[in-house]
Amino acid sequence: MENNSKSNLNELPESNHKSIKNLLRQRWLVVSIALTLTGLGAALTGSLFKSGIKIFESWRLELLTIFPAWIVLPSLGMIGGLISGTLIKNLAPAASGSGIIPIMGYLRHRNIPMGIKIGMVKLIAGIVAIGSGFPLGPEGPAVQMGGSVAWQLAKWLKAPNTFRRVIVAAGGGAGIAAIFSAPIGGFLYAIEELLNSAKPVILLLVVVTTFSADAWADVLQSMGVGSSEGGFNRILGFQLERTYQPQLHFLPIDFVYLIALGIVTGLLAEAYSRYVLTMQIKWDQWFGKSIIFRMTSSGFLLGGIFACLPDAFHKTSALQNKIALEKIDFNMAIAAFLILFITSGIAAASKAPGGLFYPMITLGGSIGLAFGICVEIVTGHVPSTYVFAGMGAFVAGCSHTPITAMFLAFALTKDLLILKPILVASLTSFLIARIFSSSSIYERQLKIEFGNSP
């Protein structure tokens, strides 16, 4: 029915596109409301996800001030894995894992359960797992939650199957947009990875959904849902918010260094993809379908690893901030890369509800920082763009979506000067990774989960 590795709506019969156009003509108001509500649903679940993780992390750090790490971290990891695994097994088995794979599977006509219930279980189980110490990000669950909300709305609309797949992909992109405050990144991810389509009507549906999700996320954050920092001020309206504001400069010689950074990052990104996939296969062999034991054991193991590390590693979001602000040295940057490389692979193999984009961004940032320090020592040139270029390059090397990766990294600074260096490094990393595999880490995970047959 459809290519096994890619879901390309451009290859579907023209009648399917006509059915979408007819739906827009006949029920344009209902469709508009559905797209807006999909954006709101993605923004709300994404904001609640971030708020919940923040609360759990605060509890964990508070416990660490009272009890030793070797008691707190393994215990919390084990309990968090137990609770999260139990919720998934008993309420919604489809809520396990990153969340991107089920959406990709659904768009490729696999028999994937969808619906609000799965999104809610994903929300609660993901907060518990990540909050208890699994080093994963909220973006994967946000993609599945956004897609689940979209699927439910399309079902209520009694929309044709083609429209249902488009709005599910748009909901997934809306999840990315809401988490990263990156509407362009979410839009491009839905088009570049999920749909692979450039049909004008599809672009319109996706762009409306992803940009509305970003706007809703800003409004919700201004109301205290998800973060105290939002792009919407109740008095001044929407404001441009930058997570980081580095002093950027970009010289011609940086092209050479950024290509070198892209080569190094592409090789490491492919190594990371293979490691994550290998861990997933090994965990499948050792634990089988026992999701509760799998997550409980993994949580205990991860807690034990982090208990042996300095305090700086007990909160990975703070570590990402230090990397982005270049407040750590070369040795710490390399240590951060190695530790997160290993632990995020274990967390992903556990099938905990969490995404890999956040670990990828931190991994790439640590490579960019270490590379920049080396360039400064050897040449005397002091770079200012390599951290963010490394972030985009690592995501591009793993996900094989260089344009999406560029705009996700760009969203952290929202400085146009950063686009060019990120693009150079991301394209180079993508091309290097493609030499070793034509499939992204998500496409290979999809093959492991569902095989070749639709």
Protein backbone atom coordinates (compact mmCIF):
# COMPACT_ATOMS: atom_id res chain seq x y z
CA MET A 1 0.00 0.00 0.00
CA GLU A 2 2.82 2.39 0.86
CA ASN A 3 6.60 2.53 0.91
CA ASN A 4 7.81 0.74 4.05
CA SER A 5 10.47 3.27 4.96
CA LYS A 6 8.73 6.52 4.08
CA SER A 7 5.16 7.74 4.13
CA ASN A 8 4.86 10.03 1.11
CA LEU A 9 1.49 11.66 0.64
CA ASN A 10 2.62 12.96 -2.74
CA GLU A 11 2.40 9.36 -3.97
CA LEU A 12 -1.20 8.89 -2.90
CA PRO A 13 -3.98 9.16 -5.50
CA GLU A 14 -5.04 12.71 -6.40
CA SER A 15 -8.57 11.80 -5.27
CA ASN A 16 -7.35 11.74 -1.68
CA HIS A 17 -6.11 15.30 -1.96
CA LYS A 18 -9.38 16.30 -3.57
CA SER A 19 -11.25 14.78 -0.63
CA ILE A 20 -9.24 17.00 1.73
CA LYS A 21 -9.98 20.06 -0.41
CA ASN A 22 -13.66 19.18 -0.49
CA LEU A 23 -13.68 18.80 3.29
CA LEU A 24 -12.08 22.24 3.63
CA ARG A 25 -14.65 23.81 1.31
CA GLN A 26 -17.68 22.17 2.86
CA ARG A 27 -16.69 22.23 6.53
CA TRP A 28 -14.01 24.92 6.67
CA LEU A 29 -15.20 26.32 10.01
CA VAL A 30 -15.21 22.92 11.71
CA VAL A 31 -11.77 22.08 10.26
CA SER A 32 -10.40 25.44 11.42
CA ILE A 33 -11.70 24.79 14.93
CA ALA A 34 -10.23 21.28 14.85
CA LEU A 35 -6.79 22.59 13.83
CA THR A 36 -6.89 25.26 16.53
CA LEU A 37 -7.97 22.75 19.18
CA THR A 38 -5.23 20.37 18.04
CA GLY A 39 -2.70 23.17 18.59
CA LEU A 40 -4.24 23.93 21.98
CA GLY A 41 -4.22 20.25 22.96
CA ALA A 42 -0.56 19.85 21.97
CA ALA A 43 0.38 23.06 23.80
CA LEU A 44 -1.57 22.14 26.94
CA THR A 45 -0.19 18.61 27.20
CA GLY A 46 3.33 19.82 26.41
CA SER A 47 3.11 22.56 29.04
CA LEU A 48 1.70 20.16 31.64
CA PHE A 49 4.46 17.71 30.78
CA LYS A 50 7.18 20.28 31.40
CA SER A 51 5.49 21.48 34.60
CA GLY A 52 5.18 17.95 35.96
CA ILE A 53 8.80 17.10 35.21
CA LYS A 54 9.92 20.32 36.88
CA ILE A 55 7.96 19.49 40.04
CA PHE A 56 9.35 15.95 40.20
CA GLU A 57 12.90 17.20 39.61
CA SER A 58 12.50 19.69 42.45
CA TRP A 59 11.39 16.90 44.78
CA ARG A 60 14.31 14.76 43.71
CA LEU A 61 16.84 17.53 44.29
CA GLU A 62 15.26 18.34 47.67
CA LEU A 63 15.57 14.69 48.73
CA LEU A 64 19.24 14.81 47.74
CA THR A 65 19.81 17.54 50.32
CA ILE A 66 18.43 15.25 53.03
CA PHE A 67 19.61 11.77 52.07
CA PRO A 68 22.73 10.51 50.26
CA ALA A 69 22.60 10.10 46.50
CA TRP A 70 23.28 6.35 46.63
CA ILE A 71 19.95 5.92 48.45
CA VAL A 72 17.82 8.54 46.69
CA LEU A 73 18.67 8.10 43.02
CA PRO A 74 18.49 4.29 42.64
CA SER A 75 15.34 4.19 44.79
CA LEU A 76 13.58 6.93 42.86
CA GLY A 77 14.63 5.46 39.54
CA MET A 78 13.30 2.05 40.54
CA ILE A 79 10.02 3.41 41.97
CA GLY A 80 9.51 5.74 39.02
CA GLY A 81 10.13 2.91 36.57
CA LEU A 82 7.74 0.65 38.49
CA ILE A 83 4.91 3.22 38.57
CA SER A 84 5.36 4.31 34.98
CA GLY A 85 5.64 0.74 33.70
CA THR A 86 2.56 -0.34 35.65
CA LEU A 87 0.49 2.52 34.24
CA ILE A 88 1.55 1.67 30.70
CA LYS A 89 1.00 -2.07 30.97
CA ASN A 90 -2.41 -1.84 32.61
CA LEU A 91 -3.88 1.21 30.87
CA ALA A 92 -2.21 1.82 27.50
CA PRO A 93 0.66 -0.40 26.24
CA ALA A 94 0.95 1.86 23.17
CA ALA A 95 2.14 4.68 25.46
CA SER A 96 5.60 3.15 25.92
CA GLY A 97 8.71 4.50 24.23
CA SER A 98 9.48 7.86 22.70
CA GLY A 99 6.12 8.54 21.06
CA ILE A 100 7.54 9.40 17.66
CA ILE A 101 7.63 5.75 16.56
CA PRO A 102 3.86 5.13 17.06
CA ILE A 103 3.02 8.27 15.08
CA MET A 104 5.38 7.22 12.28
CA GLY A 105 3.88 3.73 12.37
CA TYR A 106 0.34 5.09 12.14
CA LEU A 107 1.28 7.28 9.16
CA ARG A 108 2.75 4.20 7.47
CA HIS A 109 -0.52 2.30 7.89
CA ARG A 110 0.56 0.11 10.80
CA ASN A 111 -2.17 -0.93 13.20
CA ILE A 112 -1.38 1.56 15.98
CA PRO A 113 -3.86 2.34 18.78
CA MET A 114 -4.64 6.05 18.99
CA GLY A 115 -6.79 8.26 21.17
CA ILE A 116 -6.96 10.61 24.14
CA LYS A 117 -6.52 7.80 26.66
CA ILE A 118 -3.09 6.93 25.25
CA GLY A 119 -2.10 10.58 25.33
CA MET A 120 -3.12 10.94 28.97
CA VAL A 121 -1.25 7.79 30.04
CA LYS A 122 1.76 9.02 28.10
CA LEU A 123 1.57 12.34 29.92
CA ILE A 124 1.41 10.89 33.44
CA ALA A 125 3.81 7.98 32.89
CA GLY A 126 6.30 10.25 31.13
CA ILE A 127 6.28 12.80 33.93
CA VAL A 128 6.91 10.06 36.48
CA ALA A 129 9.70 8.40 34.47
CA ILE A 130 11.62 11.52 33.45
CA GLY A 131 11.00 13.21 36.77
CA SER A 132 12.40 10.21 38.63
CA GLY A 133 15.68 10.32 36.72
CA PHE A 134 15.37 8.81 33.23
CA PRO A 135 17.55 11.15 31.08
CA LEU A 136 15.05 11.66 28.28
CA GLY A 137 13.14 14.65 26.93
CA PRO A 138 9.45 15.63 26.73
CA GLU A 139 9.35 16.12 22.97
CA GLY A 140 8.74 12.47 21.97
CA PRO A 141 5.71 12.13 24.24
CA ALA A 142 4.53 15.57 23.09
CA VAL A 143 4.55 14.32 19.50
CA GLN A 144 2.40 11.32 20.42
CA MET A 145 0.11 13.37 22.64
CA GLY A 146 -0.36 15.98 19.91
CA GLY A 147 -1.03 13.25 17.36
CA SER A 148 -3.50 11.54 19.71
CA VAL A 149 -5.46 14.74 20.24
CA ALA A 150 -5.53 15.33 16.48
CA TRP A 151 -6.67 11.76 15.79
CA GLN A 152 -9.53 12.10 18.28
CA LEU A 153 -10.70 15.38 16.75
CA ALA A 154 -10.51 13.94 13.23
CA LYS A 155 -12.57 10.97 14.41
CA TRP A 156 -15.22 13.28 15.84
CA LEU A 157 -15.21 15.13 12.52
CA LYS A 158 -15.72 11.82 10.71
CA ALA A 159 -12.96 13.01 8.39
CA PRO A 160 -11.57 10.85 5.56
CA ASN A 161 -8.52 8.72 6.34
CA THR A 162 -6.16 10.89 4.31
CA PHE A 163 -7.13 14.00 6.27
CA ARG A 164 -6.86 12.02 9.50
CA ARG A 165 -3.23 11.10 8.72
CA VAL A 166 -2.40 14.69 7.81
CA ILE A 167 -3.87 16.14 11.00
CA VAL A 168 -2.14 13.45 13.10
CA ALA A 169 1.20 14.46 11.57
CA ALA A 170 0.32 18.12 12.13
CA GLY A 171 -0.48 17.31 15.76
CA GLY A 172 2.91 15.62 16.09
CA GLY A 173 4.62 18.70 14.68
CA ALA A 174 2.56 20.83 17.05
CA GLY A 175 4.01 18.85 19.95
CA ILE A 176 7.54 19.72 18.79
CA ALA A 177 6.53 23.37 18.32
CA ALA A 178 5.04 23.60 21.81
CA ILE A 179 7.99 21.96 23.60
CA PHE A 180 10.79 23.86 21.85
CA SER A 181 8.88 27.12 21.16
CA ALA A 182 9.84 26.39 17.57
CA PRO A 183 6.83 26.58 15.24
CA ILE A 184 9.01 26.46 12.13
CA GLY A 185 10.89 23.47 13.51
CA GLY A 186 7.63 21.67 14.31
CA PHE A 187 6.22 22.49 10.88
CA LEU A 188 9.33 21.25 9.10
CA TYR A 189 9.51 18.10 11.23
CA ALA A 190 5.96 17.17 10.28
CA ILE A 191 6.76 17.73 6.60
CA GLU A 192 10.36 16.46 6.53
CA GLU A 193 10.07 13.34 8.69
CA LEU A 194 6.42 12.45 9.19
CA LEU A 195 4.72 13.27 5.90
CA ASN A 196 7.35 13.95 3.22
CA SER A 197 4.80 16.00 1.35
CA ALA A 198 4.84 19.42 -0.29
CA LYS A 199 1.21 19.57 -1.41
CA PRO A 200 -0.07 23.13 -0.74
CA VAL A 201 -3.22 21.99 1.06
CA ILE A 202 -1.15 19.76 3.37
CA LEU A 203 1.36 22.55 4.04
CA LEU A 204 -1.53 24.84 4.97
CA LEU A 205 -3.03 22.38 7.45
CA VAL A 206 0.32 21.67 9.11
CA VAL A 207 1.47 25.28 9.34
CA VAL A 208 -1.81 26.42 10.93
CA THR A 209 -1.63 23.65 13.54
CA THR A 210 2.03 24.06 14.48
CA PHE A 211 1.94 27.85 14.69
CA SER A 212 -1.28 27.78 16.73
CA ALA A 213 0.38 25.29 19.11
CA ASP A 214 3.31 27.66 19.63
CA ALA A 215 0.96 30.59 20.24
CA TRP A 216 -1.16 28.59 22.70
CA ALA A 217 2.01 27.43 24.49
CA ASP A 218 3.10 31.04 24.95
CA VAL A 219 -0.29 31.99 26.35
CA LEU A 220 -0.37 29.00 28.71
CA GLN A 221 3.15 29.72 29.93
CA SER A 222 2.24 33.32 30.65
CA MET A 223 -0.51 31.89 32.87
CA GLY A 224 2.03 29.80 34.78
CA VAL A 225 1.41 26.49 32.99
CA GLY A 226 4.71 24.90 32.02
CA SER A 227 7.15 27.73 32.63
CA SER A 228 7.43 31.19 34.06
CA GLU A 229 9.03 32.36 30.81
CA GLY A 230 6.65 32.78 27.92
CA GLY A 231 6.48 34.63 24.66
CA PHE A 232 3.18 36.24 25.63
CA ASN A 233 2.88 39.13 28.04
CA ARG A 234 -0.67 39.95 29.19
CA ILE A 235 0.01 43.68 28.87
CA LEU A 236 2.46 43.92 25.96
CA GLY A 237 1.20 40.92 23.96
CA PHE A 238 3.50 38.46 22.18
CA GLN A 239 7.20 39.12 22.77
CA LEU A 240 10.31 37.54 21.26
CA GLU A 241 11.81 35.27 23.93
CA ARG A 242 15.31 33.86 23.67
CA THR A 243 16.44 30.95 25.82
CA TYR A 244 20.08 31.99 25.29
CA GLN A 245 21.58 35.27 24.10
CA PRO A 246 25.24 34.60 23.25
CA GLN A 247 27.44 37.24 21.63
CA LEU A 248 27.66 35.77 18.15
CA HIS A 249 30.21 36.40 15.44
CA PHE A 250 30.81 34.35 12.32
CA LEU A 251 34.03 34.61 10.27
CA PRO A 252 34.90 33.02 6.88
CA ILE A 253 37.41 30.68 8.54
CA ASP A 254 34.53 29.26 10.59
CA PHE A 255 33.22 27.53 7.46
CA VAL A 256 36.24 25.22 7.51
CA TYR A 257 35.98 24.50 11.22
CA LEU A 258 32.22 23.96 11.05
CA ILE A 259 32.61 21.42 8.24
CA ALA A 260 35.15 19.61 10.42
CA LEU A 261 32.72 19.81 13.36
CA GLY A 262 29.98 18.41 11.13
CA ILE A 263 32.18 15.46 10.11
CA VAL A 264 33.03 14.63 13.73
CA THR A 265 29.43 15.07 14.85
CA GLY A 266 28.06 12.98 11.98
CA LEU A 267 30.32 10.08 12.94
CA LEU A 268 29.39 10.35 16.61
CA ALA A 269 25.68 10.71 15.79
CA GLU A 270 25.74 7.51 13.74
CA ALA A 271 27.62 5.75 16.56
CA TYR A 272 24.95 6.97 18.99
CA SER A 273 22.12 5.78 16.74
CA ARG A 274 23.69 2.32 16.49
CA TYR A 275 24.27 2.20 20.24
CA VAL A 276 20.65 3.10 21.03
CA LEU A 277 19.37 0.52 18.55
CA THR A 278 21.72 -2.16 19.91
CA MET A 279 20.60 -1.44 23.46
CA GLN A 280 16.96 -1.69 22.39
CA ILE A 281 17.55 -5.07 20.77
CA LYS A 282 19.47 -6.35 23.82
CA TRP A 283 16.77 -5.16 26.22
CA ASP A 284 14.15 -6.87 24.03
CA GLN A 285 16.11 -10.12 24.30
CA TRP A 286 16.68 -9.86 28.05
CA PHE A 287 13.32 -8.51 29.23
CA GLY A 288 10.93 -9.58 26.48
CA LYS A 289 7.50 -8.00 26.90
CA SER A 290 7.82 -7.39 30.64
CA ILE A 291 7.58 -3.59 30.52
CA ILE A 292 7.30 -3.25 34.32
CA PHE A 293 10.42 -5.26 35.13
CA ARG A 294 12.21 -3.62 32.19
CA MET A 295 11.57 -0.08 33.38
CA THR A 296 12.06 -0.86 37.07
CA SER A 297 15.45 -2.48 36.45
CA SER A 298 16.52 0.29 34.09
CA GLY A 299 15.50 2.97 36.58
CA PHE A 300 17.51 1.31 39.33
CA LEU A 301 20.53 0.97 37.02
CA LEU A 302 20.34 4.59 35.89
CA GLY A 303 19.94 5.82 39.46
CA GLY A 304 22.99 3.81 40.48
CA ILE A 305 25.06 5.31 37.68
CA PHE A 306 24.07 8.90 38.47
CA ALA A 307 24.61 8.30 42.20
CA CYS A 308 28.29 7.68 41.45
CA LEU A 309 28.62 10.99 39.60
CA PRO A 310 29.10 14.59 40.82
CA ASP A 311 26.07 16.76 41.65
CA ALA A 312 26.26 18.49 38.24
CA PHE A 313 24.89 15.33 36.62
CA HIS A 314 21.86 15.01 38.88
CA LYS A 315 19.84 17.46 36.76
CA THR A 316 20.44 17.11 33.02
CA SER A 317 18.49 20.28 32.12
CA ALA A 318 20.89 22.35 34.24
CA LEU A 319 23.78 20.59 32.53
CA GLN A 320 22.42 21.62 29.13
CA ASN A 321 22.26 25.23 30.33
CA LYS A 322 25.89 25.14 31.44
CA ILE A 323 26.92 23.74 28.07
CA ALA A 324 24.93 26.36 26.14
CA LEU A 325 26.38 29.14 28.28
CA GLU A 326 29.89 27.62 27.94
CA LYS A 327 30.33 27.45 31.71
CA ILE A 328 32.14 24.10 31.75
CA ASP A 329 35.64 23.15 30.62
CA PHE A 330 36.83 20.63 28.03
CA ASN A 331 37.04 17.68 30.43
CA MET A 332 33.55 18.30 31.77
CA ALA A 333 32.16 18.62 28.24
CA ILE A 334 33.65 15.26 27.23
CA ALA A 335 32.45 13.65 30.48
CA ALA A 336 28.94 15.01 29.91
CA PHE A 337 28.93 13.58 26.39
CA LEU A 338 30.08 10.12 27.46
CA ILE A 339 27.72 9.86 30.44
CA LEU A 340 24.64 11.09 28.58
CA PHE A 341 25.58 8.93 25.58
CA ILE A 342 25.48 5.81 27.76
CA THR A 343 22.58 6.66 30.08
CA SER A 344 20.15 7.99 27.45
CA GLY A 345 20.68 4.77 25.48
CA ILE A 346 19.73 2.74 28.54
CA ALA A 347 16.71 4.97 29.17
CA ALA A 348 15.54 4.64 25.56
CA ALA A 349 16.00 0.86 25.68
CA SER A 350 13.81 0.72 28.79
CA LYS A 351 10.85 1.98 26.69
CA ALA A 352 10.27 4.76 29.19
CA PRO A 353 7.93 7.47 27.84
CA GLY A 354 10.53 10.03 26.82
CA GLY A 355 12.16 11.46 23.73
CA LEU A 356 15.70 11.57 22.39
CA PHE A 357 15.76 15.10 20.99
CA TYR A 358 16.73 16.68 24.32
CA PRO A 359 19.60 14.23 24.91
CA MET A 360 20.69 14.72 21.28
CA ILE A 361 20.77 18.50 21.71
CA THR A 362 22.84 18.22 24.90
CA LEU A 363 25.18 15.68 23.32
CA GLY A 364 25.66 17.89 20.28
CA GLY A 365 26.22 20.96 22.42
CA SER A 366 28.94 19.19 24.43
CA ILE A 367 30.69 18.15 21.19
CA GLY A 368 30.46 21.70 19.85
CA LEU A 369 31.82 23.15 23.09
CA ALA A 370 34.74 20.71 23.27
CA PHE A 371 35.51 21.26 19.58
CA GLY A 372 35.44 25.03 20.02
CA ILE A 373 37.83 24.83 22.97
CA CYS A 374 40.23 22.77 20.84
CA VAL A 375 40.04 25.31 18.00
CA GLU A 376 40.77 28.13 20.41
CA ILE A 377 43.78 26.33 21.90
CA VAL A 378 45.26 25.35 18.53
CA THR A 379 44.53 28.48 16.46
CA GLY A 380 43.77 31.27 18.91
CA HIS A 381 40.42 31.82 17.17
CA VAL A 382 37.63 32.16 19.73
CA PRO A 383 34.40 30.70 18.22
CA SER A 384 30.95 31.66 19.43
CA THR A 385 28.62 29.51 17.31
CA TYR A 386 29.99 25.97 17.69
CA VAL A 387 27.84 24.93 20.66
CA PHE A 388 24.58 25.59 18.83
CA ALA A 389 25.99 24.30 15.55
CA GLY A 390 26.89 21.08 17.35
CA MET A 391 23.36 20.81 18.74
CA GLY A 392 21.80 21.06 15.29
CA ALA A 393 24.42 18.80 13.72
CA PHE A 394 23.89 15.96 16.19
CA VAL A 395 20.11 16.05 15.75
CA ALA A 396 20.58 16.12 11.97
CA GLY A 397 22.98 13.17 12.03
CA CYS A 398 20.57 11.05 14.07
CA SER A 399 17.21 12.11 12.66
CA HIS A 400 18.34 12.77 9.06
CA THR A 401 16.27 15.98 9.10
CA PRO A 402 18.89 18.74 8.73
CA ILE A 403 16.46 21.60 8.12
CA THR A 404 14.35 20.69 11.14
CA ALA A 405 17.51 20.35 13.22
CA MET A 406 18.69 23.77 12.10
CA PHE A 407 15.48 25.48 13.20
CA LEU A 408 15.29 23.60 16.51
CA ALA A 409 18.78 24.82 17.40
CA PHE A 410 17.97 28.29 16.03
CA ALA A 411 14.92 28.47 18.33
CA LEU A 412 17.22 28.53 21.35
CA THR A 413 18.72 31.91 20.36
CA LYS A 414 16.34 33.23 17.67
CA ASP A 415 19.34 35.09 16.23
CA LEU A 416 19.47 35.00 12.44
CA LEU A 417 23.29 35.00 12.49
CA ILE A 418 23.25 31.50 13.97
CA LEU A 419 21.35 29.98 11.03
CA LYS A 420 24.30 29.84 8.65
CA PRO A 421 26.77 28.04 10.96
CA ILE A 422 24.09 25.61 12.13
CA LEU A 423 23.15 24.83 8.54
CA VAL A 424 26.77 24.19 7.52
CA ALA A 425 27.38 21.81 10.41
CA SER A 426 23.96 20.13 10.14
CA LEU A 427 24.19 19.42 6.42
CA THR A 428 27.72 18.07 6.81
CA SER A 429 26.70 15.85 9.70
CA PHE A 430 23.64 14.62 7.79
CA LEU A 431 25.73 13.72 4.72
CA ILE A 432 28.33 11.90 6.81
CA ALA A 433 25.66 9.91 8.66
CA ARG A 434 23.98 9.05 5.34
CA ILE A 435 27.18 7.37 4.19
CA PHE A 436 26.69 4.72 6.87
CA SER A 437 22.90 4.43 6.78
CA SER A 438 20.15 5.85 4.58
CA SER A 439 17.66 5.55 7.45
CA SER A 440 17.29 7.78 10.49
CA ILE A 441 17.38 6.40 14.00
CA TYR A 442 13.57 6.61 14.11
CA GLU A 443 13.12 4.69 10.86
CA ARG A 444 15.41 1.97 12.17
CA GLN A 445 13.52 1.87 15.47
CA LEU A 446 10.30 1.57 13.49
CA LYS A 447 11.72 -1.44 11.66
CA ILE A 448 12.70 -3.08 14.96
CA GLU A 449 9.22 -2.47 16.42
CA PHE A 450 7.08 -3.43 13.43
CA GLY A 451 9.31 -5.13 10.85
CA ASN A 452 9.03 -4.47 7.13
CA SER A 453 5.39 -5.31 6.57
CA PRO A 454 2.70 -2.63 6.95
